[in-house]
Amino acid sequence: MVLIFVASLNENMNLANMIKDKFENKNINSKIINLVDLNLPMYDTFKEQNDGIPKVALDLAKQMEKATAYVFVSPEYNYGVPPVLVNMIAWISRIGDNFRALFSMKKIQLATHSGSNGQDLLNDLRSQFTRLGAIVMPREIITTYERKCQEDSLERILEQFETLIKE
């Protein structure tokens, strides 16, 4: 199972659906998880101490444990990672004894539809996920309003990802 995390709506959700369709055509089981819809409370240590880890985060962690790989589809917010994605990673990293457990050796494909080219976002995510022990694909899927998704490029990138997740 490949989990496709989407950190916004609109164009990034469209991109996530394109990726999911490509996976379906290759008989790769995938699921889109809209991080906005999870409605996770903003992480802080007092909230965790007083209320514990939210059930929605625990349920998400169970799905992540079973997944073989992840795709993160996110816009770039103010030259960085959107709060909804940072917040999800913060909660997930608090589950269990090893904060890297849900990322360690997971294969990750990065994708963005951003007003600019999204490179700052992609660099931030690559650095964070690599430090959490994940294997991040060398090529990203990048679209903008001016540069639409190129079918042949998307196909080649996902073929490389498929090769890695089937090893």
N, C-alpha and C. Protein backbone atom coordinates (compact mmCIF):
# COMPACT_ATOMS: atom_id res chain seq x y z
N MET A 1 0.84 -1.18 0.00
CA MET A 1 0.00 0.00 0.00
C MET A 1 0.88 1.24 0.00
N VAL A 2 0.56 2.16 -0.88
CA VAL A 2 1.23 3.46 -0.93
C VAL A 2 0.24 4.50 -0.41
N LEU A 3 0.64 5.22 0.61
CA LEU A 3 -0.19 6.31 1.13
C LEU A 3 0.21 7.60 0.43
N ILE A 4 -0.78 8.30 -0.10
CA ILE A 4 -0.56 9.57 -0.78
C ILE A 4 -1.09 10.67 0.14
N PHE A 5 -0.19 11.40 0.77
CA PHE A 5 -0.57 12.48 1.68
C PHE A 5 -0.69 13.78 0.90
N VAL A 6 -1.81 14.47 1.08
CA VAL A 6 -2.03 15.73 0.38
C VAL A 6 -2.18 16.83 1.43
N ALA A 7 -1.37 17.88 1.30
CA ALA A 7 -1.32 18.94 2.30
C ALA A 7 -2.09 20.19 1.89
N SER A 8 -2.97 20.06 0.94
CA SER A 8 -3.85 21.17 0.57
C SER A 8 -4.93 20.61 -0.35
N LEU A 9 -5.75 21.48 -0.83
CA LEU A 9 -6.82 21.08 -1.72
C LEU A 9 -6.49 21.55 -3.13
N ASN A 10 -7.47 21.65 -3.98
CA ASN A 10 -7.35 22.21 -5.32
C ASN A 10 -6.29 21.51 -6.17
N GLU A 11 -5.29 22.26 -6.63
CA GLU A 11 -4.33 21.73 -7.61
C GLU A 11 -3.51 20.58 -7.07
N ASN A 12 -3.16 20.62 -5.79
CA ASN A 12 -2.39 19.51 -5.22
C ASN A 12 -3.25 18.25 -5.10
N MET A 13 -4.53 18.42 -4.83
CA MET A 13 -5.43 17.27 -4.81
C MET A 13 -5.58 16.70 -6.23
N ASN A 14 -5.65 17.58 -7.22
CA ASN A 14 -5.69 17.11 -8.62
C ASN A 14 -4.45 16.31 -8.96
N LEU A 15 -3.29 16.80 -8.53
CA LEU A 15 -2.03 16.10 -8.78
C LEU A 15 -2.04 14.74 -8.06
N ALA A 16 -2.51 14.71 -6.83
CA ALA A 16 -2.59 13.45 -6.08
C ALA A 16 -3.49 12.44 -6.80
N ASN A 17 -4.60 12.92 -7.33
CA ASN A 17 -5.50 12.03 -8.05
C ASN A 17 -4.86 11.50 -9.33
N MET A 18 -4.07 12.33 -10.01
CA MET A 18 -3.34 11.85 -11.20
C MET A 18 -2.37 10.74 -10.82
N ILE A 19 -1.66 10.95 -9.71
CA ILE A 19 -0.70 9.95 -9.25
C ILE A 19 -1.42 8.66 -8.87
N LYS A 20 -2.52 8.78 -8.16
CA LYS A 20 -3.31 7.60 -7.77
C LYS A 20 -3.79 6.85 -9.01
N ASP A 21 -4.26 7.57 -10.02
CA ASP A 21 -4.70 6.93 -11.27
C ASP A 21 -3.55 6.16 -11.93
N LYS A 22 -2.37 6.76 -11.93
CA LYS A 22 -1.20 6.08 -12.51
C LYS A 22 -0.90 4.80 -11.74
N PHE A 23 -0.99 4.87 -10.41
CA PHE A 23 -0.76 3.68 -9.60
C PHE A 23 -1.80 2.60 -9.91
N GLU A 24 -3.05 3.00 -10.01
CA GLU A 24 -4.10 2.03 -10.32
C GLU A 24 -3.84 1.34 -11.65
N ASN A 25 -3.38 2.10 -12.64
CA ASN A 25 -3.05 1.52 -13.95
C ASN A 25 -1.91 0.51 -13.86
N LYS A 26 -1.07 0.65 -12.83
CA LYS A 26 0.06 -0.26 -12.63
C LYS A 26 -0.26 -1.34 -11.59
N ASN A 27 -1.52 -1.39 -11.17
CA ASN A 27 -1.96 -2.34 -10.14
C ASN A 27 -1.21 -2.16 -8.82
N ILE A 28 -0.94 -0.89 -8.48
CA ILE A 28 -0.33 -0.55 -7.19
C ILE A 28 -1.44 -0.01 -6.30
N ASN A 29 -1.65 -0.66 -5.18
CA ASN A 29 -2.68 -0.25 -4.25
C ASN A 29 -2.26 1.05 -3.55
N SER A 30 -3.11 2.06 -3.61
CA SER A 30 -2.79 3.34 -2.98
C SER A 30 -4.03 3.97 -2.37
N LYS A 31 -3.78 4.91 -1.48
CA LYS A 31 -4.87 5.60 -0.79
C LYS A 31 -4.46 7.05 -0.58
N ILE A 32 -5.38 7.97 -0.88
CA ILE A 32 -5.13 9.39 -0.64
C ILE A 32 -5.59 9.74 0.77
N ILE A 33 -4.72 10.43 1.50
CA ILE A 33 -5.05 10.94 2.82
C ILE A 33 -4.94 12.46 2.76
N ASN A 34 -6.07 13.11 2.92
CA ASN A 34 -6.12 14.57 2.89
C ASN A 34 -5.82 15.07 4.30
N LEU A 35 -4.66 15.65 4.50
CA LEU A 35 -4.24 16.11 5.83
C LEU A 35 -5.14 17.22 6.36
N VAL A 36 -5.72 18.01 5.48
CA VAL A 36 -6.64 19.07 5.91
C VAL A 36 -7.86 18.44 6.58
N ASP A 37 -8.39 17.38 5.98
CA ASP A 37 -9.58 16.71 6.52
C ASP A 37 -9.33 16.02 7.86
N LEU A 38 -8.07 15.67 8.16
CA LEU A 38 -7.79 15.02 9.44
C LEU A 38 -8.09 15.94 10.62
N ASN A 39 -7.94 17.24 10.39
CA ASN A 39 -8.25 18.24 11.41
C ASN A 39 -7.53 17.96 12.73
N LEU A 40 -6.25 17.63 12.62
CA LEU A 40 -5.44 17.40 13.82
C LEU A 40 -5.29 18.71 14.60
N PRO A 41 -5.39 18.66 15.92
CA PRO A 41 -5.13 19.88 16.69
C PRO A 41 -3.66 20.28 16.54
N MET A 42 -3.38 21.55 16.69
CA MET A 42 -2.00 22.02 16.60
C MET A 42 -1.19 21.38 17.73
N TYR A 43 -0.05 20.80 17.35
CA TYR A 43 0.75 20.10 18.36
C TYR A 43 1.40 21.08 19.33
N ASP A 44 1.34 20.72 20.60
CA ASP A 44 2.21 21.33 21.61
C ASP A 44 2.35 20.34 22.76
N THR A 45 3.42 20.44 23.51
CA THR A 45 3.69 19.44 24.55
C THR A 45 2.64 19.44 25.65
N PHE A 46 2.09 20.60 25.99
CA PHE A 46 1.05 20.64 27.02
C PHE A 46 -0.20 19.90 26.55
N LYS A 47 -0.55 20.10 25.29
CA LYS A 47 -1.72 19.40 24.75
C LYS A 47 -1.49 17.89 24.80
N GLU A 48 -0.30 17.46 24.43
CA GLU A 48 0.01 16.04 24.47
C GLU A 48 -0.04 15.51 25.91
N GLN A 49 0.56 16.25 26.85
CA GLN A 49 0.57 15.81 28.25
C GLN A 49 -0.84 15.77 28.85
N ASN A 50 -1.66 16.74 28.51
CA ASN A 50 -3.00 16.84 29.10
C ASN A 50 -4.04 15.96 28.41
N ASP A 51 -3.97 15.87 27.08
CA ASP A 51 -5.01 15.17 26.33
C ASP A 51 -4.53 13.88 25.67
N GLY A 52 -3.23 13.66 25.65
CA GLY A 52 -2.69 12.49 24.96
C GLY A 52 -2.64 12.71 23.46
N ILE A 53 -2.25 11.70 22.76
CA ILE A 53 -2.16 11.78 21.30
C ILE A 53 -3.56 11.56 20.73
N PRO A 54 -4.00 12.44 19.81
CA PRO A 54 -5.36 12.30 19.26
C PRO A 54 -5.56 10.96 18.56
N LYS A 55 -6.75 10.43 18.66
CA LYS A 55 -7.10 9.15 18.03
C LYS A 55 -6.82 9.18 16.53
N VAL A 56 -7.10 10.31 15.89
CA VAL A 56 -6.88 10.40 14.44
C VAL A 56 -5.40 10.22 14.11
N ALA A 57 -4.51 10.71 14.96
CA ALA A 57 -3.07 10.52 14.75
C ALA A 57 -2.68 9.06 14.97
N LEU A 58 -3.26 8.44 15.99
CA LEU A 58 -2.98 7.02 16.25
C LEU A 58 -3.47 6.15 15.10
N ASP A 59 -4.66 6.46 14.58
CA ASP A 59 -5.20 5.71 13.43
C ASP A 59 -4.32 5.89 12.20
N LEU A 60 -3.85 7.11 11.99
CA LEU A 60 -2.96 7.39 10.86
C LEU A 60 -1.66 6.60 11.00
N ALA A 61 -1.13 6.55 12.21
CA ALA A 61 0.12 5.81 12.44
C ALA A 61 -0.06 4.33 12.10
N LYS A 62 -1.21 3.75 12.43
CA LYS A 62 -1.47 2.34 12.10
C LYS A 62 -1.45 2.13 10.58
N GLN A 63 -2.03 3.08 9.85
CA GLN A 63 -2.00 2.97 8.38
C GLN A 63 -0.57 3.09 7.86
N MET A 64 0.19 4.01 8.46
CA MET A 64 1.57 4.22 8.03
C MET A 64 2.44 2.99 8.30
N GLU A 65 2.18 2.31 9.42
CA GLU A 65 2.94 1.10 9.74
C GLU A 65 2.78 0.04 8.65
N LYS A 66 1.58 -0.07 8.11
CA LYS A 66 1.27 -1.10 7.12
C LYS A 66 1.71 -0.71 5.70
N ALA A 67 1.92 0.58 5.47
CA ALA A 67 2.26 1.06 4.12
C ALA A 67 3.70 0.71 3.77
N THR A 68 3.92 0.48 2.48
CA THR A 68 5.27 0.22 2.00
C THR A 68 5.98 1.50 1.58
N ALA A 69 5.19 2.52 1.24
CA ALA A 69 5.78 3.76 0.73
C ALA A 69 4.78 4.91 0.89
N TYR A 70 5.32 6.12 0.76
CA TYR A 70 4.50 7.32 0.84
C TYR A 70 4.79 8.24 -0.35
N VAL A 71 3.76 8.98 -0.73
CA VAL A 71 3.92 10.11 -1.65
C VAL A 71 3.41 11.33 -0.90
N PHE A 72 4.19 12.38 -0.86
CA PHE A 72 3.77 13.64 -0.24
C PHE A 72 3.54 14.66 -1.34
N VAL A 73 2.30 15.15 -1.42
CA VAL A 73 1.91 16.14 -2.42
C VAL A 73 1.53 17.40 -1.65
N SER A 74 2.31 18.45 -1.86
CA SER A 74 2.14 19.62 -1.02
C SER A 74 2.50 20.90 -1.78
N PRO A 75 1.80 21.98 -1.49
CA PRO A 75 2.23 23.26 -2.02
C PRO A 75 3.35 23.81 -1.16
N GLU A 76 4.02 24.80 -1.69
CA GLU A 76 5.02 25.53 -0.91
C GLU A 76 4.33 26.73 -0.29
N TYR A 77 4.41 26.86 1.03
CA TYR A 77 3.81 28.00 1.74
C TYR A 77 4.92 28.92 2.21
N ASN A 78 4.94 30.13 1.70
CA ASN A 78 5.94 31.11 2.14
C ASN A 78 7.36 30.53 2.11
N TYR A 79 7.66 29.83 1.04
CA TYR A 79 8.98 29.22 0.80
C TYR A 79 9.30 28.10 1.77
N GLY A 80 8.29 27.41 2.27
CA GLY A 80 8.52 26.32 3.19
C GLY A 80 7.37 25.32 3.18
N VAL A 81 7.33 24.53 4.25
CA VAL A 81 6.37 23.44 4.40
C VAL A 81 5.07 23.98 5.01
N PRO A 82 3.90 23.61 4.48
CA PRO A 82 2.65 24.09 5.04
C PRO A 82 2.43 23.58 6.47
N PRO A 83 1.79 24.39 7.29
CA PRO A 83 1.58 24.01 8.70
C PRO A 83 0.88 22.67 8.89
N VAL A 84 -0.08 22.34 8.04
CA VAL A 84 -0.82 21.08 8.21
C VAL A 84 0.10 19.87 8.08
N LEU A 85 1.12 19.96 7.24
CA LEU A 85 2.07 18.86 7.07
C LEU A 85 3.07 18.82 8.23
N VAL A 86 3.57 19.97 8.64
CA VAL A 86 4.48 20.04 9.78
C VAL A 86 3.79 19.48 11.02
N ASN A 87 2.54 19.85 11.21
CA ASN A 87 1.76 19.41 12.36
C ASN A 87 1.56 17.90 12.36
N MET A 88 1.25 17.33 11.20
CA MET A 88 1.07 15.88 11.11
C MET A 88 2.36 15.16 11.49
N ILE A 89 3.48 15.63 10.96
CA ILE A 89 4.77 15.00 11.27
C ILE A 89 5.07 15.13 12.76
N ALA A 90 4.74 16.27 13.35
CA ALA A 90 4.98 16.47 14.79
C ALA A 90 4.21 15.45 15.62
N TRP A 91 2.92 15.26 15.33
CA TRP A 91 2.13 14.29 16.09
C TRP A 91 2.63 12.86 15.86
N ILE A 92 2.87 12.51 14.61
CA ILE A 92 3.30 11.16 14.28
C ILE A 92 4.63 10.83 14.96
N SER A 93 5.51 11.81 15.06
CA SER A 93 6.82 11.58 15.65
C SER A 93 6.74 11.35 17.16
N ARG A 94 5.60 11.58 17.76
CA ARG A 94 5.42 11.40 19.20
C ARG A 94 4.86 10.02 19.56
N ILE A 95 4.55 9.22 18.55
CA ILE A 95 3.92 7.92 18.78
C ILE A 95 4.99 6.84 18.88
N GLY A 96 4.96 6.07 19.93
CA GLY A 96 5.90 4.97 20.10
C GLY A 96 7.20 5.42 20.73
N ASP A 97 8.11 4.45 20.90
CA ASP A 97 9.39 4.71 21.55
C ASP A 97 10.42 5.32 20.61
N ASN A 98 10.26 5.10 19.31
CA ASN A 98 11.24 5.57 18.33
C ASN A 98 10.55 6.56 17.39
N PHE A 99 10.88 7.84 17.50
CA PHE A 99 10.19 8.85 16.70
C PHE A 99 10.44 8.70 15.21
N ARG A 100 11.44 7.93 14.82
CA ARG A 100 11.72 7.72 13.40
C ARG A 100 10.99 6.50 12.83
N ALA A 101 10.36 5.72 13.67
CA ALA A 101 9.84 4.40 13.28
C ALA A 101 8.92 4.44 12.06
N LEU A 102 8.07 5.43 11.94
CA LEU A 102 7.11 5.47 10.83
C LEU A 102 7.72 6.03 9.55
N PHE A 103 8.99 6.43 9.61
CA PHE A 103 9.67 6.95 8.42
C PHE A 103 10.90 6.12 8.05
N SER A 104 11.47 5.42 9.00
CA SER A 104 12.70 4.69 8.78
C SER A 104 12.55 3.66 7.66
N MET A 105 13.37 3.81 6.64
CA MET A 105 13.43 2.94 5.46
C MET A 105 12.18 2.96 4.60
N LYS A 106 11.26 3.88 4.85
CA LYS A 106 10.09 4.03 3.97
C LYS A 106 10.55 4.74 2.70
N LYS A 107 9.99 4.31 1.59
CA LYS A 107 10.30 4.96 0.32
C LYS A 107 9.33 6.12 0.15
N ILE A 108 9.87 7.28 -0.23
CA ILE A 108 9.05 8.49 -0.34
C ILE A 108 9.27 9.17 -1.69
N GLN A 109 8.16 9.51 -2.33
CA GLN A 109 8.16 10.32 -3.55
C GLN A 109 7.59 11.68 -3.18
N LEU A 110 8.28 12.74 -3.57
CA LEU A 110 7.82 14.11 -3.30
C LEU A 110 7.18 14.70 -4.55
N ALA A 111 6.11 15.48 -4.32
CA ALA A 111 5.41 16.12 -5.44
C ALA A 111 4.85 17.45 -4.95
N THR A 112 4.77 18.41 -5.87
CA THR A 112 4.21 19.71 -5.52
C THR A 112 3.55 20.37 -6.72
N HIS A 113 2.49 21.09 -6.42
CA HIS A 113 1.97 22.11 -7.32
C HIS A 113 2.06 23.39 -6.52
N SER A 114 2.93 24.30 -6.95
CA SER A 114 3.17 25.53 -6.20
C SER A 114 3.15 26.71 -7.14
N GLY A 115 2.87 27.87 -6.57
CA GLY A 115 2.88 29.11 -7.36
C GLY A 115 4.26 29.40 -7.93
N SER A 116 5.29 29.08 -7.16
CA SER A 116 6.65 29.16 -7.69
C SER A 116 7.03 27.74 -8.09
N ASN A 117 8.28 27.38 -8.05
CA ASN A 117 8.62 26.02 -8.46
C ASN A 117 8.62 25.03 -7.29
N GLY A 118 8.38 25.50 -6.08
CA GLY A 118 8.28 24.60 -4.92
C GLY A 118 9.60 24.03 -4.45
N GLN A 119 10.72 24.54 -4.96
CA GLN A 119 12.01 23.93 -4.64
C GLN A 119 12.39 24.06 -3.18
N ASP A 120 12.03 25.17 -2.53
CA ASP A 120 12.35 25.31 -1.11
C ASP A 120 11.59 24.26 -0.28
N LEU A 121 10.33 24.06 -0.59
CA LEU A 121 9.53 23.03 0.06
C LEU A 121 10.17 21.66 -0.13
N LEU A 122 10.50 21.33 -1.37
CA LEU A 122 11.05 20.01 -1.67
C LEU A 122 12.39 19.79 -0.97
N ASN A 123 13.22 20.81 -0.92
CA ASN A 123 14.50 20.69 -0.21
C ASN A 123 14.27 20.47 1.29
N ASP A 124 13.32 21.22 1.87
CA ASP A 124 13.01 21.05 3.29
C ASP A 124 12.51 19.64 3.58
N LEU A 125 11.56 19.16 2.77
CA LEU A 125 11.02 17.82 2.99
C LEU A 125 12.08 16.74 2.80
N ARG A 126 12.90 16.89 1.76
CA ARG A 126 13.96 15.91 1.50
C ARG A 126 14.90 15.83 2.71
N SER A 127 15.29 16.97 3.23
CA SER A 127 16.19 17.00 4.38
C SER A 127 15.54 16.35 5.60
N GLN A 128 14.30 16.73 5.90
CA GLN A 128 13.63 16.19 7.08
C GLN A 128 13.40 14.69 6.96
N PHE A 129 12.86 14.23 5.85
CA PHE A 129 12.56 12.80 5.71
C PHE A 129 13.84 11.96 5.68
N THR A 130 14.89 12.47 5.08
CA THR A 130 16.16 11.75 5.06
C THR A 130 16.70 11.60 6.48
N ARG A 131 16.61 12.66 7.25
CA ARG A 131 17.08 12.61 8.64
C ARG A 131 16.21 11.71 9.51
N LEU A 132 14.97 11.52 9.10
CA LEU A 132 14.08 10.59 9.81
C LEU A 132 14.30 9.14 9.35
N GLY A 133 15.22 8.95 8.40
CA GLY A 133 15.60 7.60 7.99
C GLY A 133 14.92 7.09 6.74
N ALA A 134 14.16 7.93 6.06
CA ALA A 134 13.45 7.51 4.85
C ALA A 134 14.38 7.51 3.64
N ILE A 135 13.95 6.80 2.62
CA ILE A 135 14.64 6.80 1.32
C ILE A 135 13.80 7.66 0.39
N VAL A 136 14.31 8.84 0.07
CA VAL A 136 13.58 9.81 -0.74
C VAL A 136 14.06 9.73 -2.18
N MET A 137 13.10 9.61 -3.08
CA MET A 137 13.43 9.51 -4.51
C MET A 137 14.22 10.74 -4.97
N PRO A 138 15.17 10.55 -5.88
CA PRO A 138 16.00 11.67 -6.32
C PRO A 138 15.26 12.70 -7.18
N ARG A 139 14.23 12.27 -7.91
CA ARG A 139 13.47 13.21 -8.75
C ARG A 139 12.13 13.51 -8.11
N GLU A 140 11.70 14.75 -8.25
CA GLU A 140 10.41 15.17 -7.71
C GLU A 140 9.44 15.41 -8.86
N ILE A 141 8.17 15.44 -8.51
CA ILE A 141 7.10 15.80 -9.45
C ILE A 141 6.76 17.25 -9.16
N ILE A 142 7.00 18.12 -10.12
CA ILE A 142 6.81 19.56 -9.91
C ILE A 142 5.90 20.12 -10.99
N THR A 143 4.83 20.77 -10.55
CA THR A 143 3.96 21.48 -11.48
C THR A 143 3.69 22.88 -10.92
N THR A 144 3.39 23.79 -11.82
CA THR A 144 3.01 25.15 -11.45
C THR A 144 1.82 25.53 -12.33
N TYR A 145 1.30 26.72 -12.12
CA TYR A 145 0.20 27.17 -12.98
C TYR A 145 0.68 27.32 -14.43
N GLU A 146 1.94 27.71 -14.59
CA GLU A 146 2.49 27.89 -15.94
C GLU A 146 3.00 26.58 -16.53
N ARG A 147 3.46 25.68 -15.68
CA ARG A 147 4.06 24.42 -16.13
C ARG A 147 3.19 23.26 -15.64
N LYS A 148 2.31 22.82 -16.51
CA LYS A 148 1.38 21.74 -16.18
C LYS A 148 2.12 20.41 -16.09
N CYS A 149 1.46 19.44 -15.51
CA CYS A 149 2.03 18.10 -15.38
C CYS A 149 2.28 17.51 -16.77
N GLN A 150 3.50 17.07 -17.00
CA GLN A 150 3.85 16.44 -18.27
C GLN A 150 3.71 14.93 -18.10
N GLU A 151 2.80 14.38 -18.85
CA GLU A 151 2.43 12.96 -18.72
C GLU A 151 3.65 12.04 -18.83
N ASP A 152 4.51 12.25 -19.80
CA ASP A 152 5.65 11.36 -19.99
C ASP A 152 6.64 11.46 -18.82
N SER A 153 6.85 12.66 -18.30
CA SER A 153 7.74 12.84 -17.16
C SER A 153 7.17 12.20 -15.91
N LEU A 154 5.88 12.40 -15.68
CA LEU A 154 5.21 11.78 -14.54
C LEU A 154 5.34 10.26 -14.61
N GLU A 155 5.13 9.73 -15.78
CA GLU A 155 5.22 8.27 -15.99
C GLU A 155 6.62 7.76 -15.66
N ARG A 156 7.66 8.44 -16.13
CA ARG A 156 9.04 8.01 -15.87
C ARG A 156 9.38 8.07 -14.39
N ILE A 157 8.98 9.14 -13.72
CA ILE A 157 9.27 9.28 -12.29
C ILE A 157 8.56 8.19 -11.50
N LEU A 158 7.32 7.91 -11.81
CA LEU A 158 6.58 6.89 -11.08
C LEU A 158 7.08 5.48 -11.40
N GLU A 159 7.61 5.27 -12.60
CA GLU A 159 8.22 3.97 -12.92
C GLU A 159 9.44 3.73 -12.04
N GLN A 160 10.25 4.77 -11.84
CA GLN A 160 11.42 4.64 -10.96
C GLN A 160 10.97 4.33 -9.53
N PHE A 161 9.92 5.04 -9.08
CA PHE A 161 9.40 4.82 -7.74
C PHE A 161 8.86 3.39 -7.61
N GLU A 162 8.16 2.93 -8.61
CA GLU A 162 7.61 1.57 -8.61
C GLU A 162 8.73 0.55 -8.49
N THR A 163 9.82 0.76 -9.21
CA THR A 163 10.96 -0.16 -9.14
C THR A 163 11.50 -0.23 -7.71
N LEU A 164 11.61 0.90 -7.06
CA LEU A 164 12.13 0.94 -5.69
C LEU A 164 11.18 0.28 -4.70
N ILE A 165 9.88 0.52 -4.83
CA ILE A 165 8.95 -0.03 -3.83
C ILE A 165 8.69 -1.52 -4.03
N LYS A 166 9.06 -2.06 -5.18
CA LYS A 166 8.87 -3.49 -5.42
C LYS A 166 10.11 -4.31 -5.06
N GLU A 167 11.17 -3.63 -4.66
CA GLU A 167 12.42 -4.36 -4.28
C GLU A 167 12.25 -5.04 -2.95
